[in-house]
Amino acid sequence: MMELLAECRDLLLKLVEKHLTPKSLDRIRHVFNHYSDPELLTHLYDPQGTLWPNLGKICSGLNRMIEEGKL
């Protein structure tokens, strides 16, 4: 998962680098680096963990966006 997130970050940065300020690009890096943290991902995907319900909400939201043609 960490590798996929890093790849997504790099692709997004390539798409927007000519349109955003360095500060905005750093924000993108910060967000992706936060969400690709191994400890966070371990807690998120642990069915007994406190973050497990959040994973369900994220997936539901993404599915809804796909169904609505927004993603």
C-alpha atoms as a PDB file:
ATOM      1  CA  MET A   1       0.000   0.000   0.000  1.00  0.00           C
ATOM      2  CA  MET A   2       2.824   2.378   0.830  1.00  0.00           C
ATOM      3  CA  GLU A   3       4.333   1.891  -2.610  1.00  0.00           C
ATOM      4  CA  LEU A   4       0.987   2.518  -4.327  1.00  0.00           C
ATOM      5  CA  LEU A   5       0.457   5.709  -2.367  1.00  0.00           C
ATOM      6  CA  ALA A   6       3.963   6.903  -3.225  1.00  0.00           C
ATOM      7  CA  GLU A   7       3.303   6.194  -6.905  1.00  0.00           C
ATOM      8  CA  CYS A   8      -0.006   8.083  -6.765  1.00  0.00           C
ATOM      9  CA  ARG A   9       1.731  11.016  -5.051  1.00  0.00           C
ATOM     10  CA  ASP A  10       4.414  11.167  -7.708  1.00  0.00           C
ATOM     11  CA  LEU A  11       1.887  10.993 -10.552  1.00  0.00           C
ATOM     12  CA  LEU A  12      -0.268  13.707  -9.001  1.00  0.00           C
ATOM     13  CA  LEU A  13       2.742  15.951  -8.480  1.00  0.00           C
ATOM     14  CA  LYS A  14       3.719  15.549 -12.134  1.00  0.00           C
ATOM     15  CA  LEU A  15       0.211  16.529 -13.208  1.00  0.00           C
ATOM     16  CA  VAL A  16      -0.022  19.663 -11.087  1.00  0.00           C
ATOM     17  CA  GLU A  17       3.565  20.850 -10.628  1.00  0.00           C
ATOM     18  CA  LYS A  18       3.280  23.577 -13.285  1.00  0.00           C
ATOM     19  CA  HIS A  19      -0.015  24.844 -11.882  1.00  0.00           C
ATOM     20  CA  LEU A  20       0.647  25.030  -8.141  1.00  0.00           C
ATOM     21  CA  THR A  21       3.027  26.894  -5.883  1.00  0.00           C
ATOM     22  CA  PRO A  22       5.855  25.072  -4.115  1.00  0.00           C
ATOM     23  CA  LYS A  23       3.894  25.465  -0.867  1.00  0.00           C
ATOM     24  CA  SER A  24       0.881  23.664  -2.363  1.00  0.00           C
ATOM     25  CA  LEU A  25       3.111  20.909  -3.727  1.00  0.00           C
ATOM     26  CA  ASP A  26       4.584  20.479  -0.250  1.00  0.00           C
ATOM     27  CA  ARG A  27       1.055  20.124   1.145  1.00  0.00           C
ATOM     28  CA  ILE A  28       0.369  17.301  -1.308  1.00  0.00           C
ATOM     29  CA  ARG A  29       3.593  15.592  -0.230  1.00  0.00           C
ATOM     30  CA  HIS A  30       2.693  16.054   3.427  1.00  0.00           C
ATOM     31  CA  VAL A  31      -0.774  14.498   3.026  1.00  0.00           C
ATOM     32  CA  PHE A  32       0.504  11.505   1.065  1.00  0.00           C
ATOM     33  CA  ASN A  33       3.397  10.997   3.474  1.00  0.00           C
ATOM     34  CA  HIS A  34       0.990  11.066   6.410  1.00  0.00           C
ATOM     35  CA  TYR A  35      -1.410   8.538   4.926  1.00  0.00           C
ATOM     36  CA  SER A  36       1.357   6.207   3.766  1.00  0.00           C
ATOM     37  CA  ASP A  37       2.824   5.940   7.270  1.00  0.00           C
ATOM     38  CA  PRO A  38       3.295   2.207   8.035  1.00  0.00           C
ATOM     39  CA  GLU A  39       1.986   2.529  11.596  1.00  0.00           C
ATOM     40  CA  LEU A  40      -1.168   4.338  10.456  1.00  0.00           C
ATOM     41  CA  LEU A  41      -1.814   1.757   7.728  1.00  0.00           C
ATOM     42  CA  THR A  42      -1.314  -1.097  10.196  1.00  0.00           C
ATOM     43  CA  HIS A  43      -3.895   0.401  12.553  1.00  0.00           C
ATOM     44  CA  LEU A  44      -6.288   1.249   9.725  1.00  0.00           C
ATOM     45  CA  TYR A  45      -6.340  -2.305   8.328  1.00  0.00           C
ATOM     46  CA  ASP A  46      -6.481  -4.078  11.706  1.00  0.00           C
ATOM     47  CA  PRO A  47     -10.043  -5.490  11.986  1.00  0.00           C
ATOM     48  CA  GLN A  48      -9.766  -5.246  15.788  1.00  0.00           C
ATOM     49  CA  GLY A  49      -8.309  -1.741  15.704  1.00  0.00           C
ATOM     50  CA  THR A  50      -9.970   1.526  16.531  1.00  0.00           C
ATOM     51  CA  LEU A  51      -9.564   2.839  12.985  1.00  0.00           C
ATOM     52  CA  TRP A  52     -11.344  -0.087  11.289  1.00  0.00           C
ATOM     53  CA  PRO A  53     -14.736   1.717  11.164  1.00  0.00           C
ATOM     54  CA  ASN A  54     -13.038   4.624   9.385  1.00  0.00           C
ATOM     55  CA  LEU A  55     -11.849   2.307   6.635  1.00  0.00           C
ATOM     56  CA  GLY A  56     -15.467   1.314   5.997  1.00  0.00           C
ATOM     57  CA  LYS A  57     -16.471   4.985   5.749  1.00  0.00           C
ATOM     58  CA  ILE A  58     -13.625   5.709   3.326  1.00  0.00           C
ATOM     59  CA  CYS A  59     -14.589   2.774   1.110  1.00  0.00           C
ATOM     60  CA  SER A  60     -18.274   3.735   1.166  1.00  0.00           C
ATOM     61  CA  GLY A  61     -17.430   7.294   0.197  1.00  0.00           C
ATOM     62  CA  LEU A  62     -15.187   6.193  -2.645  1.00  0.00           C
ATOM     63  CA  ASN A  63     -17.816   3.759  -3.924  1.00  0.00           C
ATOM     64  CA  ARG A  64     -20.443   6.498  -3.855  1.00  0.00           C
ATOM     65  CA  MET A  65     -18.143   8.861  -5.773  1.00  0.00           C
ATOM     66  CA  ILE A  66     -17.517   6.169  -8.395  1.00  0.00           C
ATOM     67  CA  GLU A  67     -21.247   5.491  -8.760  1.00  0.00           C
ATOM     68  CA  GLU A  68     -21.933   9.227  -9.154  1.00  0.00           C
ATOM     69  CA  GLY A  69     -19.218   9.535 -11.789  1.00  0.00           C
ATOM     70  CA  LYS A  70     -17.149  11.900  -9.684  1.00  0.00           C
ATOM     71  CA  LEU A  71     -14.188   9.575  -9.492  1.00  0.00           C
END
